[in-house]
Amino acid sequence: MGFLFRDPLTTVRLYMEFMGEYAVRMLEERIVSGREISVKVTVPTKLYVRDRVSRMSELPAGSSLQPDDSFKS
């Protein structure tokens, strides 16, 4: 959906292949061992901060973001 916007959107990269592989390993281990206790897993992510966020952080405290002129009809 980011391609629909003039400014690139800040996004979070999820490592889907890692999550799938790890899920299969955990399921296999759970079946083999009969473990019933849940395990908490932290999945690595990467945050891509784009221009729009950095420009918003430059706004004075208490000000509100106004739409760009290009968005006016």
C-alpha atoms as a PDB file:
ATOM      1  CA  MET A   1       0.000   0.000   0.000  1.00  0.00           C
ATOM      2  CA  GLY A   2       2.959   2.313   0.511  1.00  0.00           C
ATOM      3  CA  PHE A   3       3.223   2.815  -3.240  1.00  0.00           C
ATOM      4  CA  LEU A   4      -0.094   4.728  -3.145  1.00  0.00           C
ATOM      5  CA  PHE A   5       1.401   7.566  -1.109  1.00  0.00           C
ATOM      6  CA  ARG A   6       3.669  10.339  -2.284  1.00  0.00           C
ATOM      7  CA  ASP A   7       5.944  10.001   0.746  1.00  0.00           C
ATOM      8  CA  PRO A   8       7.335   6.555   1.554  1.00  0.00           C
ATOM      9  CA  LEU A   9       5.740   5.110   4.698  1.00  0.00           C
ATOM     10  CA  THR A  10       7.678   3.990   7.746  1.00  0.00           C
ATOM     11  CA  THR A  11       7.558   0.202   7.784  1.00  0.00           C
ATOM     12  CA  VAL A  12       8.492  -2.728   9.993  1.00  0.00           C
ATOM     13  CA  ARG A  13      10.338  -5.633   8.387  1.00  0.00           C
ATOM     14  CA  LEU A  14       9.227  -9.005   9.728  1.00  0.00           C
ATOM     15  CA  TYR A  15      11.397 -12.012   8.968  1.00  0.00           C
ATOM     16  CA  MET A  16       8.611 -14.335   7.853  1.00  0.00           C
ATOM     17  CA  GLU A  17      10.881 -17.187   6.772  1.00  0.00           C
ATOM     18  CA  PHE A  18      12.564 -17.173  10.201  1.00  0.00           C
ATOM     19  CA  MET A  19       9.164 -17.166  11.943  1.00  0.00           C
ATOM     20  CA  GLY A  20       7.934 -20.101   9.838  1.00  0.00           C
ATOM     21  CA  GLU A  21      11.064 -22.188  10.341  1.00  0.00           C
ATOM     22  CA  TYR A  22      11.081 -21.546  14.067  1.00  0.00           C
ATOM     23  CA  ALA A  23       7.361 -22.320  14.370  1.00  0.00           C
ATOM     24  CA  VAL A  24       7.877 -25.693  12.681  1.00  0.00           C
ATOM     25  CA  ARG A  25      10.814 -26.516  14.999  1.00  0.00           C
ATOM     26  CA  MET A  26       8.781 -25.553  18.070  1.00  0.00           C
ATOM     27  CA  LEU A  27       5.786 -27.603  16.931  1.00  0.00           C
ATOM     28  CA  GLU A  28       7.975 -30.628  16.235  1.00  0.00           C
ATOM     29  CA  GLU A  29       9.667 -30.307  19.632  1.00  0.00           C
ATOM     30  CA  ARG A  30       6.297 -29.979  21.342  1.00  0.00           C
ATOM     31  CA  ILE A  31       4.909 -33.090  19.623  1.00  0.00           C
ATOM     32  CA  VAL A  32       8.024 -35.199  20.317  1.00  0.00           C
ATOM     33  CA  SER A  33       8.483 -34.156  23.943  1.00  0.00           C
ATOM     34  CA  GLY A  34       4.810 -33.757  24.843  1.00  0.00           C
ATOM     35  CA  ARG A  35       5.554 -30.337  26.330  1.00  0.00           C
ATOM     36  CA  GLU A  36       2.410 -28.475  27.373  1.00  0.00           C
ATOM     37  CA  ILE A  37       3.991 -25.280  28.664  1.00  0.00           C
ATOM     38  CA  SER A  38       4.104 -22.315  26.281  1.00  0.00           C
ATOM     39  CA  VAL A  39       7.381 -20.761  25.215  1.00  0.00           C
ATOM     40  CA  LYS A  40       7.860 -17.054  24.578  1.00  0.00           C
ATOM     41  CA  VAL A  41       9.877 -16.249  21.458  1.00  0.00           C
ATOM     42  CA  THR A  42      11.160 -12.821  20.465  1.00  0.00           C
ATOM     43  CA  VAL A  43      11.281 -12.422  16.698  1.00  0.00           C
ATOM     44  CA  PRO A  44      13.818  -9.984  15.252  1.00  0.00           C
ATOM     45  CA  THR A  45      12.435  -7.029  13.321  1.00  0.00           C
ATOM     46  CA  LYS A  46      13.842  -3.996  11.551  1.00  0.00           C
ATOM     47  CA  LEU A  47      12.252  -0.540  11.576  1.00  0.00           C
ATOM     48  CA  TYR A  48      12.648   1.541   8.412  1.00  0.00           C
ATOM     49  CA  VAL A  49      11.972   5.177   9.364  1.00  0.00           C
ATOM     50  CA  ARG A  50      11.176   7.238   6.283  1.00  0.00           C
ATOM     51  CA  ASP A  51      11.193  10.982   5.573  1.00  0.00           C
ATOM     52  CA  ARG A  52       7.665  11.706   6.783  1.00  0.00           C
ATOM     53  CA  VAL A  53       8.449  10.623  10.355  1.00  0.00           C
ATOM     54  CA  SER A  54      11.652  12.620  10.519  1.00  0.00           C
ATOM     55  CA  ARG A  55       9.856  15.729   9.232  1.00  0.00           C
ATOM     56  CA  MET A  56       7.055  15.280  11.786  1.00  0.00           C
ATOM     57  CA  SER A  57       9.599  15.072  14.592  1.00  0.00           C
ATOM     58  CA  GLU A  58      10.772  18.566  13.597  1.00  0.00           C
ATOM     59  CA  LEU A  59       7.343  20.103  14.323  1.00  0.00           C
ATOM     60  CA  PRO A  60       7.190  22.428  17.336  1.00  0.00           C
ATOM     61  CA  ALA A  61       5.675  20.908  20.474  1.00  0.00           C
ATOM     62  CA  GLY A  62       1.888  21.246  20.574  1.00  0.00           C
ATOM     63  CA  SER A  63       1.499  21.909  16.836  1.00  0.00           C
ATOM     64  CA  SER A  64      -0.760  19.769  14.692  1.00  0.00           C
ATOM     65  CA  LEU A  65       0.171  18.201  11.380  1.00  0.00           C
ATOM     66  CA  GLN A  66      -1.537  19.841   8.419  1.00  0.00           C
ATOM     67  CA  PRO A  67      -2.138  17.979   5.158  1.00  0.00           C
ATOM     68  CA  ASP A  68       0.132  18.773   2.223  1.00  0.00           C
ATOM     69  CA  ASP A  69      -1.306  21.056  -0.468  1.00  0.00           C
ATOM     70  CA  SER A  70      -1.151  18.112  -2.880  1.00  0.00           C
ATOM     71  CA  PHE A  71      -3.879  16.348  -0.855  1.00  0.00           C
ATOM     72  CA  LYS A  72      -6.364  19.232  -1.090  1.00  0.00           C
ATOM     73  CA  SER A  73      -9.156  18.851  -3.633  1.00  0.00           C
END
